[in-house]
Amino acid sequence: MEILDRVLARLPGEDNQADEPFLKESIRLVEDRLNLRLNTDKLPDKFESILVDAVIKIWRRRYHEGIETEKIDTINTKFVDNILEEYEKEIQAYLYNKEKDSFKNVVRFI
């Protein structure tokens, strides 16, 4: 299943309102940012679910989902800035394991 299809599948009832050019650009944006953080040219398959989840958050942010704080008496809204922040543990674990695996076949002379 393509990423766009997975995103649309997670927007039941909203898929008729889905702005495909916006979703495609959001997919590219999140994929580029993940690739930069992971130091990869192609997104590893295990990060596709994070990509889909982040794109859904971007889509819904257009309609104010992801508000961190909101006051009723005086309108004061604060959005969460970093859409990938909650996945930082997974990103760091991947980078740690990737680095650890790179030393598996290294011979050290002492």
PDB file of N, CA and C in Angstrom:
ATOM      1  N   MET A   1       0.849  -1.175   0.000  1.00  0.00           N
ATOM      2  CA  MET A   1       0.000   0.000   0.000  1.00  0.00           C
ATOM      3  C   MET A   1       0.899   1.244   0.000  1.00  0.00           C
ATOM      4  N   GLU A   2       0.600   2.170  -0.860  1.00  0.00           N
ATOM      5  CA  GLU A   2       1.384   3.408  -0.921  1.00  0.00           C
ATOM      6  C   GLU A   2       1.124   4.275   0.302  1.00  0.00           C
ATOM      7  N   ILE A   3       2.053   5.174   0.552  1.00  0.00           N
ATOM      8  CA  ILE A   3       1.939   6.051   1.719  1.00  0.00           C
ATOM      9  C   ILE A   3       0.657   6.882   1.639  1.00  0.00           C
ATOM     10  N   LEU A   4       0.370   7.461   0.481  1.00  0.00           N
ATOM     11  CA  LEU A   4      -0.838   8.283   0.342  1.00  0.00           C
ATOM     12  C   LEU A   4      -2.094   7.463   0.640  1.00  0.00           C
ATOM     13  N   ASP A   5      -2.135   6.218   0.171  1.00  0.00           N
ATOM     14  CA  ASP A   5      -3.287   5.351   0.454  1.00  0.00           C
ATOM     15  C   ASP A   5      -3.416   5.082   1.948  1.00  0.00           C
ATOM     16  N   ARG A   6      -2.286   4.896   2.624  1.00  0.00           N
ATOM     17  CA  ARG A   6      -2.316   4.664   4.073  1.00  0.00           C
ATOM     18  C   ARG A   6      -2.814   5.909   4.808  1.00  0.00           C
ATOM     19  N   VAL A   7      -2.395   7.075   4.332  1.00  0.00           N
ATOM     20  CA  VAL A   7      -2.859   8.326   4.948  1.00  0.00           C
ATOM     21  C   VAL A   7      -4.363   8.463   4.757  1.00  0.00           C
ATOM     22  N   LEU A   8      -4.837   8.246   3.543  1.00  0.00           N
ATOM     23  CA  LEU A   8      -6.271   8.373   3.258  1.00  0.00           C
ATOM     24  C   LEU A   8      -7.088   7.349   4.046  1.00  0.00           C
ATOM     25  N   ALA A   9      -6.534   6.159   4.266  1.00  0.00           N
ATOM     26  CA  ALA A   9      -7.235   5.134   5.041  1.00  0.00           C
ATOM     27  C   ALA A   9      -7.415   5.560   6.494  1.00  0.00           C
ATOM     28  N   ARG A  10      -6.530   6.419   6.975  1.00  0.00           N
ATOM     29  CA  ARG A  10      -6.624   6.883   8.365  1.00  0.00           C
ATOM     30  C   ARG A  10      -7.441   8.160   8.492  1.00  0.00           C
ATOM     31  N   LEU A  11      -8.026   8.587   7.398  1.00  0.00           N
ATOM     32  CA  LEU A  11      -8.889   9.771   7.413  1.00  0.00           C
ATOM     33  C   LEU A  11     -10.318   9.383   7.041  1.00  0.00           C
ATOM     34  N   PRO A  12     -10.914   8.414   7.739  1.00  0.00           N
ATOM     35  CA  PRO A  12     -12.277   8.030   7.366  1.00  0.00           C
ATOM     36  C   PRO A  12     -13.239   9.192   7.583  1.00  0.00           C
ATOM     37  N   GLY A  13     -14.059   9.406   6.583  1.00  0.00           N
ATOM     38  CA  GLY A  13     -15.002  10.517   6.668  1.00  0.00           C
ATOM     39  C   GLY A  13     -14.387  11.840   6.258  1.00  0.00           C
ATOM     40  N   GLU A  14     -13.071  11.895   6.247  1.00  0.00           N
ATOM     41  CA  GLU A  14     -12.380  13.122   5.849  1.00  0.00           C
ATOM     42  C   GLU A  14     -11.764  12.982   4.463  1.00  0.00           C
ATOM     43  N   ASP A  15     -11.709  11.735   3.948  1.00  0.00           N
ATOM     44  CA  ASP A  15     -11.020  11.514   2.683  1.00  0.00           C
ATOM     45  C   ASP A  15     -11.677  12.237   1.517  1.00  0.00           C
ATOM     46  N   ASN A  16     -12.983  12.525   1.608  1.00  0.00           N
ATOM     47  CA  ASN A  16     -13.626  13.285   0.540  1.00  0.00           C
ATOM     48  C   ASN A  16     -13.226  14.756   0.591  1.00  0.00           C
ATOM     49  N   GLN A  17     -12.691  15.198   1.730  1.00  0.00           N
ATOM     50  CA  GLN A  17     -12.210  16.570   1.874  1.00  0.00           C
ATOM     51  C   GLN A  17     -10.699  16.650   1.669  1.00  0.00           C
ATOM     52  N   ALA A  18     -10.071  15.500   1.531  1.00  0.00           N
ATOM     53  CA  ALA A  18      -8.611  15.447   1.476  1.00  0.00           C
ATOM     54  C   ALA A  18      -8.081  16.221   0.277  1.00  0.00           C
ATOM     55  N   ASP A  19      -7.107  17.019   0.547  1.00  0.00           N
ATOM     56  CA  ASP A  19      -6.423  17.817  -0.463  1.00  0.00           C
ATOM     57  C   ASP A  19      -5.161  17.043  -0.847  1.00  0.00           C
ATOM     58  N   GLU A  20      -5.264  16.226  -1.911  1.00  0.00           N
ATOM     59  CA  GLU A  20      -4.155  15.341  -2.266  1.00  0.00           C
ATOM     60  C   GLU A  20      -2.846  16.069  -2.528  1.00  0.00           C
ATOM     61  N   PRO A  21      -2.832  17.207  -3.227  1.00  0.00           N
ATOM     62  CA  PRO A  21      -1.551  17.908  -3.389  1.00  0.00           C
ATOM     63  C   PRO A  21      -0.936  18.307  -2.040  1.00  0.00           C
ATOM     64  N   PHE A  22      -1.770  18.741  -1.102  1.00  0.00           N
ATOM     65  CA  PHE A  22      -1.272  19.093   0.230  1.00  0.00           C
ATOM     66  C   PHE A  22      -0.727  17.856   0.936  1.00  0.00           C
ATOM     67  N   LEU A  23      -1.459  16.738   0.855  1.00  0.00           N
ATOM     68  CA  LEU A  23      -1.008  15.503   1.500  1.00  0.00           C
ATOM     69  C   LEU A  23       0.292  14.998   0.885  1.00  0.00           C
ATOM     70  N   LYS A  24       0.399  15.059  -0.441  1.00  0.00           N
ATOM     71  CA  LYS A  24       1.636  14.614  -1.106  1.00  0.00           C
ATOM     72  C   LYS A  24       2.820  15.473  -0.684  1.00  0.00           C
ATOM     73  N   GLU A  25       2.618  16.769  -0.593  1.00  0.00           N
ATOM     74  CA  GLU A  25       3.695  17.659  -0.148  1.00  0.00           C
ATOM     75  C   GLU A  25       4.049  17.392   1.311  1.00  0.00           C
ATOM     76  N   SER A  26       3.052  17.122   2.125  1.00  0.00           N
ATOM     77  CA  SER A  26       3.301  16.800   3.535  1.00  0.00           C
ATOM     78  C   SER A  26       4.086  15.501   3.665  1.00  0.00           C
ATOM     79  N   ILE A  27       3.746  14.516   2.845  1.00  0.00           N
ATOM     80  CA  ILE A  27       4.486  13.247   2.841  1.00  0.00           C
ATOM     81  C   ILE A  27       5.946  13.504   2.496  1.00  0.00           C
ATOM     82  N   ARG A  28       6.159  14.296   1.467  1.00  0.00           N
ATOM     83  CA  ARG A  28       7.543  14.590   1.058  1.00  0.00           C
ATOM     84  C   ARG A  28       8.290  15.355   2.151  1.00  0.00           C
ATOM     85  N   LEU A  29       7.625  16.316   2.764  1.00  0.00           N
ATOM     86  CA  LEU A  29       8.232  17.107   3.832  1.00  0.00           C
ATOM     87  C   LEU A  29       8.674  16.224   4.998  1.00  0.00           C
ATOM     88  N   VAL A  30       7.772  15.378   5.476  1.00  0.00           N
ATOM     89  CA  VAL A  30       8.093  14.521   6.621  1.00  0.00           C
ATOM     90  C   VAL A  30       9.157  13.494   6.235  1.00  0.00           C
ATOM     91  N   GLU A  31       9.047  12.938   5.041  1.00  0.00           N
ATOM     92  CA  GLU A  31      10.049  11.967   4.589  1.00  0.00           C
ATOM     93  C   GLU A  31      11.430  12.608   4.507  1.00  0.00           C
ATOM     94  N   ASP A  32      11.504  13.816   3.970  1.00  0.00           N
ATOM     95  CA  ASP A  32      12.788  14.526   3.901  1.00  0.00           C
ATOM     96  C   ASP A  32      13.358  14.775   5.291  1.00  0.00           C
ATOM     97  N   ARG A  33      12.511  15.195   6.212  1.00  0.00           N
ATOM     98  CA  ARG A  33      12.983  15.471   7.578  1.00  0.00           C
ATOM     99  C   ARG A  33      13.437  14.201   8.285  1.00  0.00           C
ATOM    100  N   LEU A  34      12.705  13.119   8.088  1.00  0.00           N
ATOM    101  CA  LEU A  34      13.129  11.848   8.685  1.00  0.00           C
ATOM    102  C   LEU A  34      14.454  11.381   8.085  1.00  0.00           C
ATOM    103  N   ASN A  35      14.587  11.500   6.769  1.00  0.00           N
ATOM    104  CA  ASN A  35      15.846  11.102   6.129  1.00  0.00           C
ATOM    105  C   ASN A  35      17.021  11.920   6.650  1.00  0.00           C
ATOM    106  N   LEU A  36      16.804  13.202   6.882  1.00  0.00           N
ATOM    107  CA  LEU A  36      17.874  14.033   7.441  1.00  0.00           C
ATOM    108  C   LEU A  36      18.247  13.571   8.843  1.00  0.00           C
ATOM    109  N   ARG A  37      17.259  13.293   9.658  1.00  0.00           N
ATOM    110  CA  ARG A  37      17.532  12.854  11.035  1.00  0.00           C
ATOM    111  C   ARG A  37      18.168  11.474  11.083  1.00  0.00           C
ATOM    112  N   LEU A  38      17.771  10.613  10.152  1.00  0.00           N
ATOM    113  CA  LEU A  38      18.279   9.240  10.144  1.00  0.00           C
ATOM    114  C   LEU A  38      19.556   9.099   9.326  1.00  0.00           C
ATOM    115  N   ASN A  39      19.937  10.167   8.642  1.00  0.00           N
ATOM    116  CA  ASN A  39      21.120  10.159   7.772  1.00  0.00           C
ATOM    117  C   ASN A  39      21.002   9.058   6.711  1.00  0.00           C
ATOM    118  N   THR A  40      19.845   9.033   6.039  1.00  0.00           N
ATOM    119  CA  THR A  40      19.583   8.053   4.986  1.00  0.00           C
ATOM    120  C   THR A  40      19.107   8.775   3.730  1.00  0.00           C
ATOM    121  N   ASP A  41      19.274   8.100   2.598  1.00  0.00           N
ATOM    122  CA  ASP A  41      18.746   8.637   1.344  1.00  0.00           C
ATOM    123  C   ASP A  41      17.344   8.103   1.064  1.00  0.00           C
ATOM    124  N   LYS A  42      17.086   6.895   1.533  1.00  0.00           N
ATOM    125  CA  LYS A  42      15.768   6.275   1.366  1.00  0.00           C
ATOM    126  C   LYS A  42      15.245   5.921   2.749  1.00  0.00           C
ATOM    127  N   LEU A  43      14.007   6.271   2.988  1.00  0.00           N
ATOM    128  CA  LEU A  43      13.401   6.032   4.293  1.00  0.00           C
ATOM    129  C   LEU A  43      13.297   4.531   4.564  1.00  0.00           C
ATOM    130  N   PRO A  44      13.826   4.071   5.700  1.00  0.00           N
ATOM    131  CA  PRO A  44      13.677   2.654   6.049  1.00  0.00           C
ATOM    132  C   PRO A  44      12.197   2.298   6.214  1.00  0.00           C
ATOM    133  N   ASP A  45      11.832   1.097   5.783  1.00  0.00           N
ATOM    134  CA  ASP A  45      10.433   0.653   5.838  1.00  0.00           C
ATOM    135  C   ASP A  45       9.839   0.779   7.232  1.00  0.00           C
ATOM    136  N   LYS A  46      10.642   0.528   8.261  1.00  0.00           N
ATOM    137  CA  LYS A  46      10.113   0.556   9.630  1.00  0.00           C
ATOM    138  C   LYS A  46       9.684   1.950  10.066  1.00  0.00           C
ATOM    139  N   PHE A  47      10.032   2.986   9.297  1.00  0.00           N
ATOM    140  CA  PHE A  47       9.632   4.349   9.639  1.00  0.00           C
ATOM    141  C   PHE A  47       8.414   4.827   8.850  1.00  0.00           C
ATOM    142  N   GLU A  48       7.844   3.968   8.015  1.00  0.00           N
ATOM    143  CA  GLU A  48       6.676   4.377   7.231  1.00  0.00           C
ATOM    144  C   GLU A  48       5.475   4.707   8.113  1.00  0.00           C
ATOM    145  N   SER A  49       5.289   3.966   9.189  1.00  0.00           N
ATOM    146  CA  SER A  49       4.154   4.248  10.082  1.00  0.00           C
ATOM    147  C   SER A  49       4.314   5.596  10.769  1.00  0.00           C
ATOM    148  N   ILE A  50       5.550   5.942  11.119  1.00  0.00           N
ATOM    149  CA  ILE A  50       5.810   7.260  11.709  1.00  0.00           C
ATOM    150  C   ILE A  50       5.531   8.340  10.674  1.00  0.00           C
ATOM    151  N   LEU A  51       5.931   8.104   9.433  1.00  0.00           N
ATOM    152  CA  LEU A  51       5.667   9.045   8.341  1.00  0.00           C
ATOM    153  C   LEU A  51       4.166   9.273   8.194  1.00  0.00           C
ATOM    154  N   VAL A  52       3.393   8.202   8.148  1.00  0.00           N
ATOM    155  CA  VAL A  52       1.935   8.307   8.003  1.00  0.00           C
ATOM    156  C   VAL A  52       1.339   9.065   9.185  1.00  0.00           C
ATOM    157  N   ASP A  53       1.762   8.709  10.388  1.00  0.00           N
ATOM    158  CA  ASP A  53       1.245   9.346  11.597  1.00  0.00           C
ATOM    159  C   ASP A  53       1.534  10.849  11.600  1.00  0.00           C
ATOM    160  N   ALA A  54       2.744  11.232  11.230  1.00  0.00           N
ATOM    161  CA  ALA A  54       3.120  12.649  11.214  1.00  0.00           C
ATOM    162  C   ALA A  54       2.342  13.419  10.151  1.00  0.00           C
ATOM    163  N   VAL A  55       2.100  12.806   9.003  1.00  0.00           N
ATOM    164  CA  VAL A  55       1.324  13.469   7.943  1.00  0.00           C
ATOM    165  C   VAL A  55      -0.116  13.689   8.408  1.00  0.00           C
ATOM    166  N   ILE A  56      -0.687  12.709   9.104  1.00  0.00           N
ATOM    167  CA  ILE A  56      -2.041  12.872   9.659  1.00  0.00           C
ATOM    168  C   ILE A  56      -2.060  14.056  10.628  1.00  0.00           C
ATOM    169  N   LYS A  57      -1.024  14.174  11.451  1.00  0.00           N
ATOM    170  CA  LYS A  57      -0.958  15.290  12.399  1.00  0.00           C
ATOM    171  C   LYS A  57      -0.866  16.627  11.668  1.00  0.00           C
ATOM    172  N   ILE A  58      -0.086  16.671  10.605  1.00  0.00           N
ATOM    173  CA  ILE A  58       0.013  17.906   9.819  1.00  0.00           C
ATOM    174  C   ILE A  58      -1.351  18.239   9.217  1.00  0.00           C
ATOM    175  N   TRP A  59      -2.030  17.229   8.669  1.00  0.00           N
ATOM    176  CA  TRP A  59      -3.358  17.442   8.074  1.00  0.00           C
ATOM    177  C   TRP A  59      -4.331  17.994   9.108  1.00  0.00           C
ATOM    178  N   ARG A  60      -4.345  17.378  10.268  1.00  0.00           N
ATOM    179  CA  ARG A  60      -5.294  17.799  11.295  1.00  0.00           C
ATOM    180  C   ARG A  60      -4.880  19.099  11.961  1.00  0.00           C
ATOM    181  N   ARG A  61      -3.615  19.415  11.910  1.00  0.00           N
ATOM    182  CA  ARG A  61      -3.157  20.691  12.472  1.00  0.00           C
ATOM    183  C   ARG A  61      -3.820  21.847  11.727  1.00  0.00           C
ATOM    184  N   ARG A  62      -4.139  21.616  10.481  1.00  0.00           N
ATOM    185  CA  ARG A  62      -4.846  22.653   9.723  1.00  0.00           C
ATOM    186  C   ARG A  62      -6.169  22.991  10.392  1.00  0.00           C
ATOM    187  N   TYR A  63      -6.707  22.047  11.115  1.00  0.00           N
ATOM    188  CA  TYR A  63      -7.979  22.243  11.812  1.00  0.00           C
ATOM    189  C   TYR A  63      -7.777  22.272  13.320  1.00  0.00           C
ATOM    190  N   HIS A  64      -6.596  22.682  13.726  1.00  0.00           N
ATOM    191  CA  HIS A  64      -6.251  22.965  15.124  1.00  0.00           C
ATOM    192  C   HIS A  64      -6.061  21.755  16.015  1.00  0.00           C
ATOM    193  N   GLU A  65      -5.902  20.548  15.470  1.00  0.00           N
ATOM    194  CA  GLU A  65      -5.535  19.429  16.332  1.00  0.00           C
ATOM    195  C   GLU A  65      -4.050  19.562  16.631  1.00  0.00           C
ATOM    196  N   GLY A  66      -3.662  19.210  17.792  1.00  0.00           N
ATOM    197  CA  GLY A  66      -2.274  19.335  18.196  1.00  0.00           C
ATOM    198  C   GLY A  66      -2.045  20.573  19.028  1.00  0.00           C
ATOM    199  N   ILE A  67      -3.130  21.188  19.475  1.00  0.00           N
ATOM    200  CA  ILE A  67      -3.002  22.357  20.331  1.00  0.00           C
ATOM    201  C   ILE A  67      -2.461  21.904  21.671  1.00  0.00           C
ATOM    202  N   GLU A  68      -1.423  22.562  22.120  1.00  0.00           N
ATOM    203  CA  GLU A  68      -0.819  22.220  23.406  1.00  0.00           C
ATOM    204  C   GLU A  68      -1.564  22.892  24.544  1.00  0.00           C
ATOM    205  N   THR A  69      -1.869  24.170  24.385  1.00  0.00           N
ATOM    206  CA  THR A  69      -2.624  24.887  25.411  1.00  0.00           C
ATOM    207  C   THR A  69      -3.642  25.790  24.734  1.00  0.00           C
ATOM    208  N   GLU A  70      -4.750  25.998  25.422  1.00  0.00           N
ATOM    209  CA  GLU A  70      -5.769  26.908  24.910  1.00  0.00           C
ATOM    210  C   GLU A  70      -6.538  27.446  26.108  1.00  0.00           C
ATOM    211  N   LYS A  71      -6.715  28.743  26.132  1.00  0.00           N
ATOM    212  CA  LYS A  71      -7.484  29.374  27.199  1.00  0.00           C
ATOM    213  C   LYS A  71      -8.787  29.876  26.611  1.00  0.00           C
ATOM    214  N   ILE A  72      -9.853  29.685  27.330  1.00  0.00           N
ATOM    215  CA  ILE A  72     -11.170  30.066  26.833  1.00  0.00           C
ATOM    216  C   ILE A  72     -11.447  31.551  27.039  1.00  0.00           C
ATOM    217  N   ASP A  73     -11.146  32.074  28.220  1.00  0.00           N
ATOM    218  CA  ASP A  73     -11.487  33.468  28.517  1.00  0.00           C
ATOM    219  C   ASP A  73     -10.760  34.450  27.599  1.00  0.00           C
ATOM    220  N   THR A  74      -9.503  34.222  27.378  1.00  0.00           N
ATOM    221  CA  THR A  74      -8.755  35.005  26.386  1.00  0.00           C
ATOM    222  C   THR A  74      -8.190  34.006  25.401  1.00  0.00           C
ATOM    223  N   ILE A  75      -8.460  34.196  24.150  1.00  0.00           N
ATOM    224  CA  ILE A  75      -8.027  33.214  23.162  1.00  0.00           C
ATOM    225  C   ILE A  75      -6.508  33.228  23.087  1.00  0.00           C
ATOM    226  N   ASN A  76      -5.920  32.137  23.524  1.00  0.00           N
ATOM    227  CA  ASN A  76      -4.474  31.986  23.552  1.00  0.00           C
ATOM    228  C   ASN A  76      -4.168  30.553  23.151  1.00  0.00           C
ATOM    229  N   THR A  77      -3.679  30.367  21.947  1.00  0.00           N
ATOM    230  CA  THR A  77      -3.434  29.037  21.425  1.00  0.00           C
ATOM    231  C   THR A  77      -1.949  28.851  21.174  1.00  0.00           C
ATOM    232  N   LYS A  78      -1.427  27.700  21.562  1.00  0.00           N
ATOM    233  CA  LYS A  78      -0.016  27.391  21.337  1.00  0.00           C
ATOM    234  C   LYS A  78       0.061  26.024  20.666  1.00  0.00           C
ATOM    235  N   PHE A  79       0.660  25.959  19.487  1.00  0.00           N
ATOM    236  CA  PHE A  79       0.802  24.705  18.766  1.00  0.00           C
ATOM    237  C   PHE A  79       2.125  24.046  19.127  1.00  0.00           C
ATOM    238  N   VAL A  80       2.135  22.728  19.069  1.00  0.00           N
ATOM    239  CA  VAL A  80       3.374  21.986  19.249  1.00  0.00           C
ATOM    240  C   VAL A  80       4.209  22.212  17.993  1.00  0.00           C
ATOM    241  N   ASP A  81       5.432  22.717  18.177  1.00  0.00           N
ATOM    242  CA  ASP A  81       6.249  23.111  17.038  1.00  0.00           C
ATOM    243  C   ASP A  81       6.832  21.934  16.257  1.00  0.00           C
ATOM    244  N   ASN A  82       7.431  20.986  16.932  1.00  0.00           N
ATOM    245  CA  ASN A  82       8.148  19.915  16.268  1.00  0.00           C
ATOM    246  C   ASN A  82       7.253  18.692  16.129  1.00  0.00           C
ATOM    247  N   ILE A  83       6.790  18.436  14.927  1.00  0.00           N
ATOM    248  CA  ILE A  83       5.851  17.346  14.674  1.00  0.00           C
ATOM    249  C   ILE A  83       6.489  15.976  14.904  1.00  0.00           C
ATOM    250  N   LEU A  84       7.821  15.882  14.800  1.00  0.00           N
ATOM    251  CA  LEU A  84       8.510  14.603  14.968  1.00  0.00           C
ATOM    252  C   LEU A  84       9.063  14.399  16.375  1.00  0.00           C
ATOM    253  N   GLU A  85       8.853  15.352  17.254  1.00  0.00           N
ATOM    254  CA  GLU A  85       9.449  15.291  18.592  1.00  0.00           C
ATOM    255  C   GLU A  85       9.048  14.031  19.366  1.00  0.00           C
ATOM    256  N   GLU A  86       7.805  13.610  19.252  1.00  0.00           N
ATOM    257  CA  GLU A  86       7.368  12.450  20.027  1.00  0.00           C
ATOM    258  C   GLU A  86       7.983  11.141  19.537  1.00  0.00           C
ATOM    259  N   TYR A  87       8.619  11.163  18.364  1.00  0.00           N
ATOM    260  CA  TYR A  87       9.256   9.961  17.819  1.00  0.00           C
ATOM    261  C   TYR A  87      10.766   9.963  18.049  1.00  0.00           C
ATOM    262  N   GLU A  88      11.242  10.891  18.853  1.00  0.00           N
ATOM    263  CA  GLU A  88      12.683  11.047  19.061  1.00  0.00           C
ATOM    264  C   GLU A  88      13.318   9.776  19.632  1.00  0.00           C
ATOM    265  N   LYS A  89      12.624   9.072  20.517  1.00  0.00           N
ATOM    266  CA  LYS A  89      13.172   7.824  21.076  1.00  0.00           C
ATOM    267  C   LYS A  89      13.406   6.789  19.981  1.00  0.00           C
ATOM    268  N   GLU A  90      12.441   6.640  19.079  1.00  0.00           N
ATOM    269  CA  GLU A  90      12.590   5.677  17.987  1.00  0.00           C
ATOM    270  C   GLU A  90      13.731   6.075  17.061  1.00  0.00           C
ATOM    271  N   ILE A  91      13.833   7.363  16.780  1.00  0.00           N
ATOM    272  CA  ILE A  91      14.903   7.851  15.905  1.00  0.00           C
ATOM    273  C   ILE A  91      16.257   7.601  16.552  1.00  0.00           C
ATOM    274  N   GLN A  92      16.394   7.936  17.827  1.00  0.00           N
ATOM    275  CA  GLN A  92      17.669   7.734  18.527  1.00  0.00           C
ATOM    276  C   GLN A  92      18.016   6.249  18.638  1.00  0.00           C
ATOM    277  N   ALA A  93      17.024   5.401  18.887  1.00  0.00           N
ATOM    278  CA  ALA A  93      17.272   3.958  18.961  1.00  0.00           C
ATOM    279  C   ALA A  93      17.753   3.427  17.617  1.00  0.00           C
ATOM    280  N   TYR A  94      17.150   3.885  16.530  1.00  0.00           N
ATOM    281  CA  TYR A  94      17.571   3.467  15.196  1.00  0.00           C
ATOM    282  C   TYR A  94      19.013   3.889  14.940  1.00  0.00           C
ATOM    283  N   LEU A  95      19.334   5.144  15.244  1.00  0.00           N
ATOM    284  CA  LEU A  95      20.696   5.640  15.024  1.00  0.00           C
ATOM    285  C   LEU A  95      21.705   4.883  15.885  1.00  0.00           C
ATOM    286  N   TYR A  96      21.347   4.596  17.128  1.00  0.00           N
ATOM    287  CA  TYR A  96      22.233   3.853  18.025  1.00  0.00           C
ATOM    288  C   TYR A  96      22.501   2.450  17.473  1.00  0.00           C
ATOM    289  N   ASN A  97      21.431   1.761  17.066  1.00  0.00           N
ATOM    290  CA  ASN A  97      21.585   0.406  16.529  1.00  0.00           C
ATOM    291  C   ASN A  97      22.337   0.398  15.211  1.00  0.00           C
ATOM    292  N   LYS A  98      22.122   1.413  14.399  1.00  0.00           N
ATOM    293  CA  LYS A  98      22.829   1.519  13.125  1.00  0.00           C
ATOM    294  C   LYS A  98      24.327   1.694  13.376  1.00  0.00           C
ATOM    295  N   GLU A  99      24.670   2.541  14.340  1.00  0.00           N
ATOM    296  CA  GLU A  99      26.077   2.759  14.673  1.00  0.00           C
ATOM    297  C   GLU A  99      26.678   1.497  15.285  1.00  0.00           C
ATOM    298  N   LYS A 100      25.945   0.854  16.168  1.00  0.00           N
ATOM    299  CA  LYS A 100      26.419  -0.376  16.811  1.00  0.00           C
ATOM    300  C   LYS A 100      26.654  -1.465  15.764  1.00  0.00           C
ATOM    301  N   ASP A 101      25.737  -1.593  14.799  1.00  0.00           N
ATOM    302  CA  ASP A 101      25.877  -2.600  13.746  1.00  0.00           C
ATOM    303  C   ASP A 101      27.058  -2.311  12.834  1.00  0.00           C
ATOM    304  N   SER A 102      27.414  -1.046  12.685  1.00  0.00           N
ATOM    305  CA  SER A 102      28.533  -0.708  11.801  1.00  0.00           C
ATOM    306  C   SER A 102      29.866  -1.181  12.367  1.00  0.00           C
ATOM    307  N   PHE A 103      29.921  -1.472  13.664  1.00  0.00           N
ATOM    308  CA  PHE A 103      31.160  -1.939  14.286  1.00  0.00           C
ATOM    309  C   PHE A 103      31.195  -3.457  14.467  1.00  0.00           C
ATOM    310  N   LYS A 104      30.195  -4.173  14.013  1.00  0.00           N
ATOM    311  CA  LYS A 104      30.155  -5.626  14.193  1.00  0.00           C
ATOM    312  C   LYS A 104      31.304  -6.330  13.482  1.00  0.00           C
ATOM    313  N   ASN A 105      31.627  -5.906  12.297  1.00  0.00           N
ATOM    314  CA  ASN A 105      32.647  -6.581  11.496  1.00  0.00           C
ATOM    315  C   ASN A 105      33.985  -5.858  11.533  1.00  0.00           C
ATOM    316  N   VAL A 106      34.230  -5.125  12.588  1.00  0.00           N
ATOM    317  CA  VAL A 106      35.481  -4.387  12.723  1.00  0.00           C
ATOM    318  C   VAL A 106      36.437  -5.204  13.580  1.00  0.00           C
ATOM    319  N   VAL A 107      37.652  -5.334  13.095  1.00  0.00           N
ATOM    320  CA  VAL A 107      38.695  -6.022  13.849  1.00  0.00           C
ATOM    321  C   VAL A 107      39.596  -4.969  14.455  1.00  0.00           C
ATOM    322  N   ARG A 108      39.835  -5.085  15.736  1.00  0.00           N
ATOM    323  CA  ARG A 108      40.694  -4.117  16.422  1.00  0.00           C
ATOM    324  C   ARG A 108      41.983  -4.801  16.849  1.00  0.00           C
ATOM    325  N   PHE A 109      43.078  -4.165  16.519  1.00  0.00           N
ATOM    326  CA  PHE A 109      44.386  -4.668  16.924  1.00  0.00           C
ATOM    327  C   PHE A 109      44.872  -3.860  18.113  1.00  0.00           C
ATOM    328  N   ILE A 110      45.274  -4.560  19.131  1.00  0.00           N
ATOM    329  CA  ILE A 110      45.741  -3.872  20.338  1.00  0.00           C
ATOM    330  C   ILE A 110      47.203  -4.162  20.555  1.00  0.00           C
TER     331      ILE A 110
END
